[in-house]
Amino acid sequence: MRVIRLKLGNVGVSIKKSSKDLVIAQLKNDQIPFIVKEGVAEPLSVPPTLDNQLLMHLTWAITHYFGCKKND
């Protein structure tokens, strides 16, 4: 299982693939599940305290690392 740790602004984020289509983003106090369909990540639920810009960057990072098909 691949775990990616990164910092978005001043927020530390840990992203891991939970199943084939489910990716979990772990922030300090929140867990945000994302589903990856057709190479694009979409959040399943979003905490009301989450900044929209942070959500946009999280969605991009998950799409980039887990959604994009690799050309082998």
PDB file of N, CA and C in Angstrom:
ATOM      1  N   MET A   1       0.850  -1.172   0.000  1.00  0.00           N
ATOM      2  CA  MET A   1       0.000   0.000   0.000  1.00  0.00           C
ATOM      3  C   MET A   1       0.897   1.236   0.000  1.00  0.00           C
ATOM      4  N   ARG A   2       0.630   2.151  -0.902  1.00  0.00           N
ATOM      5  CA  ARG A   2       1.419   3.364  -1.032  1.00  0.00           C
ATOM      6  C   ARG A   2       0.814   4.469  -0.167  1.00  0.00           C
ATOM      7  N   VAL A   3       1.666   5.090   0.659  1.00  0.00           N
ATOM      8  CA  VAL A   3       1.254   6.222   1.487  1.00  0.00           C
ATOM      9  C   VAL A   3       2.078   7.424   1.059  1.00  0.00           C
ATOM     10  N   ILE A   4       1.409   8.523   0.828  1.00  0.00           N
ATOM     11  CA  ILE A   4       2.081   9.753   0.416  1.00  0.00           C
ATOM     12  C   ILE A   4       1.871  10.783   1.518  1.00  0.00           C
ATOM     13  N   ARG A   5       2.960  11.347   1.988  1.00  0.00           N
ATOM     14  CA  ARG A   5       2.890  12.408   2.989  1.00  0.00           C
ATOM     15  C   ARG A   5       3.368  13.699   2.339  1.00  0.00           C
ATOM     16  N   LEU A   6       2.572  14.750   2.500  1.00  0.00           N
ATOM     17  CA  LEU A   6       2.946  16.028   1.917  1.00  0.00           C
ATOM     18  C   LEU A   6       2.402  17.165   2.755  1.00  0.00           C
ATOM     19  N   LYS A   7       2.870  18.346   2.478  1.00  0.00           N
ATOM     20  CA  LYS A   7       2.406  19.543   3.159  1.00  0.00           C
ATOM     21  C   LYS A   7       1.735  20.455   2.143  1.00  0.00           C
ATOM     22  N   LEU A   8       0.502  20.798   2.407  1.00  0.00           N
ATOM     23  CA  LEU A   8      -0.236  21.737   1.566  1.00  0.00           C
ATOM     24  C   LEU A   8      -0.410  23.009   2.381  1.00  0.00           C
ATOM     25  N   GLY A   9       0.358  24.025   2.050  1.00  0.00           N
ATOM     26  CA  GLY A   9       0.371  25.236   2.867  1.00  0.00           C
ATOM     27  C   GLY A   9       1.028  24.903   4.192  1.00  0.00           C
ATOM     28  N   ASN A  10       0.310  25.105   5.283  1.00  0.00           N
ATOM     29  CA  ASN A  10       0.837  24.752   6.596  1.00  0.00           C
ATOM     30  C   ASN A  10       0.147  23.517   7.174  1.00  0.00           C
ATOM     31  N   VAL A  11      -0.514  22.745   6.328  1.00  0.00           N
ATOM     32  CA  VAL A  11      -1.259  21.562   6.758  1.00  0.00           C
ATOM     33  C   VAL A  11      -0.540  20.303   6.286  1.00  0.00           C
ATOM     34  N   GLY A  12      -0.233  19.418   7.215  1.00  0.00           N
ATOM     35  CA  GLY A  12       0.350  18.130   6.862  1.00  0.00           C
ATOM     36  C   GLY A  12      -0.750  17.158   6.468  1.00  0.00           C
ATOM     37  N   VAL A  13      -0.538  16.424   5.390  1.00  0.00           N
ATOM     38  CA  VAL A  13      -1.547  15.504   4.870  1.00  0.00           C
ATOM     39  C   VAL A  13      -0.902  14.150   4.607  1.00  0.00           C
ATOM     40  N   SER A  14      -1.608  13.093   4.972  1.00  0.00           N
ATOM     41  CA  SER A  14      -1.187  11.737   4.655  1.00  0.00           C
ATOM     42  C   SER A  14      -2.271  11.135   3.766  1.00  0.00           C
ATOM     43  N   ILE A  15      -1.878  10.642   2.602  1.00  0.00           N
ATOM     44  CA  ILE A  15      -2.834  10.097   1.639  1.00  0.00           C
ATOM     45  C   ILE A  15      -2.498   8.634   1.411  1.00  0.00           C
ATOM     46  N   LYS A  16      -3.491   7.753   1.571  1.00  0.00           N
ATOM     47  CA  LYS A  16      -3.244   6.335   1.316  1.00  0.00           C
ATOM     48  C   LYS A  16      -4.425   5.710   0.594  1.00  0.00           C
ATOM     49  N   LYS A  17      -4.099   4.721  -0.204  1.00  0.00           N
ATOM     50  CA  LYS A  17      -5.114   3.997  -0.963  1.00  0.00           C
ATOM     51  C   LYS A  17      -5.689   2.920  -0.063  1.00  0.00           C
ATOM     52  N   SER A  18      -6.997   2.942   0.128  1.00  0.00           N
ATOM     53  CA  SER A  18      -7.660   2.013   1.028  1.00  0.00           C
ATOM     54  C   SER A  18      -8.153   0.773   0.291  1.00  0.00           C
ATOM     55  N   SER A  19      -8.670   0.964  -0.898  1.00  0.00           N
ATOM     56  CA  SER A  19      -9.116  -0.153  -1.732  1.00  0.00           C
ATOM     57  C   SER A  19      -8.898   0.251  -3.183  1.00  0.00           C
ATOM     58  N   LYS A  20      -9.469  -0.523  -4.104  1.00  0.00           N
ATOM     59  CA  LYS A  20      -9.232  -0.254  -5.523  1.00  0.00           C
ATOM     60  C   LYS A  20      -9.619   1.169  -5.924  1.00  0.00           C
ATOM     61  N   ASP A  21     -10.768   1.640  -5.466  1.00  0.00           N
ATOM     62  CA  ASP A  21     -11.268   2.952  -5.876  1.00  0.00           C
ATOM     63  C   ASP A  21     -11.334   3.970  -4.739  1.00  0.00           C
ATOM     64  N   LEU A  22     -10.955   3.579  -3.520  1.00  0.00           N
ATOM     65  CA  LEU A  22     -11.096   4.462  -2.367  1.00  0.00           C
ATOM     66  C   LEU A  22      -9.737   4.925  -1.865  1.00  0.00           C
ATOM     67  N   VAL A  23      -9.599   6.236  -1.706  1.00  0.00           N
ATOM     68  CA  VAL A  23      -8.375   6.851  -1.194  1.00  0.00           C
ATOM     69  C   VAL A  23      -8.769   7.702   0.009  1.00  0.00           C
ATOM     70  N   ILE A  24      -8.001   7.595   1.096  1.00  0.00           N
ATOM     71  CA  ILE A  24      -8.278   8.343   2.318  1.00  0.00           C
ATOM     72  C   ILE A  24      -7.211   9.415   2.505  1.00  0.00           C
ATOM     73  N   ALA A  25      -7.644  10.654   2.693  1.00  0.00           N
ATOM     74  CA  ALA A  25      -6.733  11.752   3.022  1.00  0.00           C
ATOM     75  C   ALA A  25      -6.882  12.027   4.513  1.00  0.00           C
ATOM     76  N   GLN A  26      -5.789  11.923   5.247  1.00  0.00           N
ATOM     77  CA  GLN A  26      -5.793  12.137   6.695  1.00  0.00           C
ATOM     78  C   GLN A  26      -5.148  13.482   7.002  1.00  0.00           C
ATOM     79  N   LEU A  27      -5.937  14.409   7.530  1.00  0.00           N
ATOM     80  CA  LEU A  27      -5.415  15.680   8.002  1.00  0.00           C
ATOM     81  C   LEU A  27      -5.280  15.580   9.513  1.00  0.00           C
ATOM     82  N   LYS A  28      -4.905  16.646  10.165  1.00  0.00           N
ATOM     83  CA  LYS A  28      -4.665  16.589  11.608  1.00  0.00           C
ATOM     84  C   LYS A  28      -5.891  16.067  12.356  1.00  0.00           C
ATOM     85  N   ASN A  29      -7.052  16.639  12.104  1.00  0.00           N
ATOM     86  CA  ASN A  29      -8.259  16.259  12.842  1.00  0.00           C
ATOM     87  C   ASN A  29      -9.342  15.649  11.964  1.00  0.00           C
ATOM     88  N   ASP A  30      -9.096  15.514  10.682  1.00  0.00           N
ATOM     89  CA  ASP A  30     -10.137  15.064   9.760  1.00  0.00           C
ATOM     90  C   ASP A  30      -9.644  13.941   8.862  1.00  0.00           C
ATOM     91  N   GLN A  31     -10.574  13.083   8.475  1.00  0.00           N
ATOM     92  CA  GLN A  31     -10.340  12.079   7.439  1.00  0.00           C
ATOM     93  C   GLN A  31     -11.314  12.370   6.318  1.00  0.00           C
ATOM     94  N   ILE A  32     -10.790  12.447   5.099  1.00  0.00           N
ATOM     95  CA  ILE A  32     -11.644  12.750   3.957  1.00  0.00           C
ATOM     96  C   ILE A  32     -11.532  11.604   2.958  1.00  0.00           C
ATOM     97  N   PRO A  33     -12.625  10.862   2.740  1.00  0.00           N
ATOM     98  CA  PRO A  33     -12.583   9.788   1.743  1.00  0.00           C
ATOM     99  C   PRO A  33     -12.787  10.344   0.334  1.00  0.00           C
ATOM    100  N   PHE A  34     -12.013   9.834  -0.600  1.00  0.00           N
ATOM    101  CA  PHE A  34     -12.139  10.194  -2.013  1.00  0.00           C
ATOM    102  C   PHE A  34     -12.380   8.919  -2.799  1.00  0.00           C
ATOM    103  N   ILE A  35     -13.198   9.001  -3.822  1.00  0.00           N
ATOM    104  CA  ILE A  35     -13.369   7.889  -4.748  1.00  0.00           C
ATOM    105  C   ILE A  35     -12.696   8.294  -6.057  1.00  0.00           C
ATOM    106  N   VAL A  36     -11.984   7.357  -6.650  1.00  0.00           N
ATOM    107  CA  VAL A  36     -11.292   7.623  -7.911  1.00  0.00           C
ATOM    108  C   VAL A  36     -12.033   6.867  -9.007  1.00  0.00           C
ATOM    109  N   LYS A  37     -12.712   7.625  -9.878  1.00  0.00           N
ATOM    110  CA  LYS A  37     -13.466   7.032 -10.986  1.00  0.00           C
ATOM    111  C   LYS A  37     -12.927   7.585 -12.289  1.00  0.00           C
ATOM    112  N   GLU A  38     -12.627   6.708 -13.210  1.00  0.00           N
ATOM    113  CA  GLU A  38     -12.141   7.084 -14.538  1.00  0.00           C
ATOM    114  C   GLU A  38     -10.953   8.039 -14.454  1.00  0.00           C
ATOM    115  N   GLY A  39     -10.096   7.810 -13.463  1.00  0.00           N
ATOM    116  CA  GLY A  39      -8.877   8.595 -13.336  1.00  0.00           C
ATOM    117  C   GLY A  39      -9.022   9.944 -12.661  1.00  0.00           C
ATOM    118  N   VAL A  40     -10.211  10.251 -12.120  1.00  0.00           N
ATOM    119  CA  VAL A  40     -10.438  11.545 -11.472  1.00  0.00           C
ATOM    120  C   VAL A  40     -10.929  11.309 -10.043  1.00  0.00           C
ATOM    121  N   ALA A  41     -10.338  12.029  -9.091  1.00  0.00           N
ATOM    122  CA  ALA A  41     -10.720  11.898  -7.684  1.00  0.00           C
ATOM    123  C   ALA A  41     -11.869  12.842  -7.349  1.00  0.00           C
ATOM    124  N   GLU A  42     -12.818  12.329  -6.554  1.00  0.00           N
ATOM    125  CA  GLU A  42     -13.937  13.140  -6.077  1.00  0.00           C
ATOM    126  C   GLU A  42     -14.129  12.852  -4.596  1.00  0.00           C
ATOM    127  N   PRO A  43     -14.268  13.900  -3.768  1.00  0.00           N
ATOM    128  CA  PRO A  43     -14.480  13.669  -2.336  1.00  0.00           C
ATOM    129  C   PRO A  43     -15.871  13.097  -2.085  1.00  0.00           C
ATOM    130  N   LEU A  44     -15.951  12.128  -1.165  1.00  0.00           N
ATOM    131  CA  LEU A  44     -17.248  11.561  -0.801  1.00  0.00           C
ATOM    132  C   LEU A  44     -17.943  12.416   0.249  1.00  0.00           C
ATOM    133  N   SER A  45     -17.177  12.941   1.184  1.00  0.00           N
ATOM    134  CA  SER A  45     -17.717  13.862   2.183  1.00  0.00           C
ATOM    135  C   SER A  45     -16.636  14.873   2.527  1.00  0.00           C
ATOM    136  N   VAL A  46     -17.058  16.088   2.814  1.00  0.00           N
ATOM    137  CA  VAL A  46     -16.113  17.166   3.096  1.00  0.00           C
ATOM    138  C   VAL A  46     -16.503  17.818   4.420  1.00  0.00           C
ATOM    139  N   PRO A  47     -15.563  17.904   5.372  1.00  0.00           N
ATOM    140  CA  PRO A  47     -15.869  18.599   6.623  1.00  0.00           C
ATOM    141  C   PRO A  47     -16.130  20.087   6.361  1.00  0.00           C
ATOM    142  N   PRO A  48     -17.070  20.687   7.079  1.00  0.00           N
ATOM    143  CA  PRO A  48     -17.399  22.093   6.833  1.00  0.00           C
ATOM    144  C   PRO A  48     -16.245  23.046   7.140  1.00  0.00           C
ATOM    145  N   THR A  49     -15.287  22.616   7.940  1.00  0.00           N
ATOM    146  CA  THR A  49     -14.174  23.495   8.305  1.00  0.00           C
ATOM    147  C   THR A  49     -13.049  23.485   7.277  1.00  0.00           C
ATOM    148  N   LEU A  50     -13.143  22.632   6.261  1.00  0.00           N
ATOM    149  CA  LEU A  50     -12.066  22.507   5.282  1.00  0.00           C
ATOM    150  C   LEU A  50     -12.095  23.660   4.281  1.00  0.00           C
ATOM    151  N   ASP A  51     -10.949  24.269   4.071  1.00  0.00           N
ATOM    152  CA  ASP A  51     -10.792  25.379   3.133  1.00  0.00           C
ATOM    153  C   ASP A  51     -10.973  24.868   1.699  1.00  0.00           C
ATOM    154  N   ASN A  52     -11.678  25.627   0.858  1.00  0.00           N
ATOM    155  CA  ASN A  52     -11.918  25.212  -0.529  1.00  0.00           C
ATOM    156  C   ASN A  52     -10.631  25.062  -1.322  1.00  0.00           C
ATOM    157  N   GLN A  53      -9.664  25.946  -1.082  1.00  0.00           N
ATOM    158  CA  GLN A  53      -8.396  25.860  -1.806  1.00  0.00           C
ATOM    159  C   GLN A  53      -7.635  24.594  -1.415  1.00  0.00           C
ATOM    160  N   LEU A  54      -7.663  24.240  -0.134  1.00  0.00           N
ATOM    161  CA  LEU A  54      -7.018  23.007   0.319  1.00  0.00           C
ATOM    162  C   LEU A  54      -7.701  21.794  -0.304  1.00  0.00           C
ATOM    163  N   LEU A  55      -9.031  21.814  -0.381  1.00  0.00           N
ATOM    164  CA  LEU A  55      -9.768  20.721  -1.014  1.00  0.00           C
ATOM    165  C   LEU A  55      -9.390  20.586  -2.484  1.00  0.00           C
ATOM    166  N   MET A  56      -9.245  21.709  -3.175  1.00  0.00           N
ATOM    167  CA  MET A  56      -8.865  21.681  -4.586  1.00  0.00           C
ATOM    168  C   MET A  56      -7.472  21.054  -4.753  1.00  0.00           C
ATOM    169  N   HIS A  57      -6.527  21.441  -3.896  1.00  0.00           N
ATOM    170  CA  HIS A  57      -5.176  20.892  -3.981  1.00  0.00           C
ATOM    171  C   HIS A  57      -5.148  19.407  -3.618  1.00  0.00           C
ATOM    172  N   LEU A  58      -5.937  19.014  -2.633  1.00  0.00           N
ATOM    173  CA  LEU A  58      -6.033  17.594  -2.266  1.00  0.00           C
ATOM    174  C   LEU A  58      -6.583  16.777  -3.427  1.00  0.00           C
ATOM    175  N   THR A  59      -7.643  17.274  -4.047  1.00  0.00           N
ATOM    176  CA  THR A  59      -8.249  16.581  -5.182  1.00  0.00           C
ATOM    177  C   THR A  59      -7.243  16.435  -6.317  1.00  0.00           C
ATOM    178  N   TRP A  60      -6.493  17.498  -6.594  1.00  0.00           N
ATOM    179  CA  TRP A  60      -5.480  17.439  -7.647  1.00  0.00           C
ATOM    180  C   TRP A  60      -4.406  16.411  -7.309  1.00  0.00           C
ATOM    181  N   ALA A  61      -3.917  16.430  -6.063  1.00  0.00           N
ATOM    182  CA  ALA A  61      -2.843  15.512  -5.661  1.00  0.00           C
ATOM    183  C   ALA A  61      -3.297  14.060  -5.764  1.00  0.00           C
ATOM    184  N   ILE A  62      -4.500  13.767  -5.309  1.00  0.00           N
ATOM    185  CA  ILE A  62      -5.003  12.388  -5.360  1.00  0.00           C
ATOM    186  C   ILE A  62      -5.224  11.964  -6.803  1.00  0.00           C
ATOM    187  N   THR A  63      -5.770  12.852  -7.626  1.00  0.00           N
ATOM    188  CA  THR A  63      -5.941  12.534  -9.046  1.00  0.00           C
ATOM    189  C   THR A  63      -4.590  12.269  -9.691  1.00  0.00           C
ATOM    190  N   HIS A  64      -3.605  13.093  -9.374  1.00  0.00           N
ATOM    191  CA  HIS A  64      -2.280  12.955  -9.976  1.00  0.00           C
ATOM    192  C   HIS A  64      -1.593  11.655  -9.551  1.00  0.00           C
ATOM    193  N   TYR A  65      -1.621  11.334  -8.264  1.00  0.00           N
ATOM    194  CA  TYR A  65      -0.884  10.180  -7.761  1.00  0.00           C
ATOM    195  C   TYR A  65      -1.625   8.856  -7.920  1.00  0.00           C
ATOM    196  N   PHE A  66      -2.954   8.873  -7.815  1.00  0.00           N
ATOM    197  CA  PHE A  66      -3.695   7.617  -7.822  1.00  0.00           C
ATOM    198  C   PHE A  66      -4.636   7.452  -9.006  1.00  0.00           C
ATOM    199  N   GLY A  67      -4.978   8.528  -9.698  1.00  0.00           N
ATOM    200  CA  GLY A  67      -5.980   8.438 -10.742  1.00  0.00           C
ATOM    201  C   GLY A  67      -5.437   8.340 -12.144  1.00  0.00           C
ATOM    202  N   CYS A  68      -4.347   9.041 -12.411  1.00  0.00           N
ATOM    203  CA  CYS A  68      -3.815   9.084 -13.775  1.00  0.00           C
ATOM    204  C   CYS A  68      -3.320   7.716 -14.205  1.00  0.00           C
ATOM    205  N   LYS A  69      -3.667   7.352 -15.392  1.00  0.00           N
ATOM    206  CA  LYS A  69      -3.173   6.090 -15.952  1.00  0.00           C
ATOM    207  C   LYS A  69      -1.747   6.288 -16.423  1.00  0.00           C
ATOM    208  N   LYS A  70      -0.885   5.368 -16.088  1.00  0.00           N
ATOM    209  CA  LYS A  70       0.517   5.458 -16.495  1.00  0.00           C
ATOM    210  C   LYS A  70       0.672   4.876 -17.897  1.00  0.00           C
ATOM    211  N   ASN A  71       1.426   5.551 -18.740  1.00  0.00           N
ATOM    212  CA  ASN A  71       1.719   5.047 -20.082  1.00  0.00           C
ATOM    213  C   ASN A  71       2.993   4.222 -20.012  1.00  0.00           C
ATOM    214  N   ASP A  72       2.855   2.920 -19.955  1.00  0.00           N
ATOM    215  CA  ASP A  72       4.024   2.030 -19.855  1.00  0.00           C
ATOM    216  C   ASP A  72       4.538   1.665 -21.221  1.00  0.00           C
TER     217      ASP A  72
END
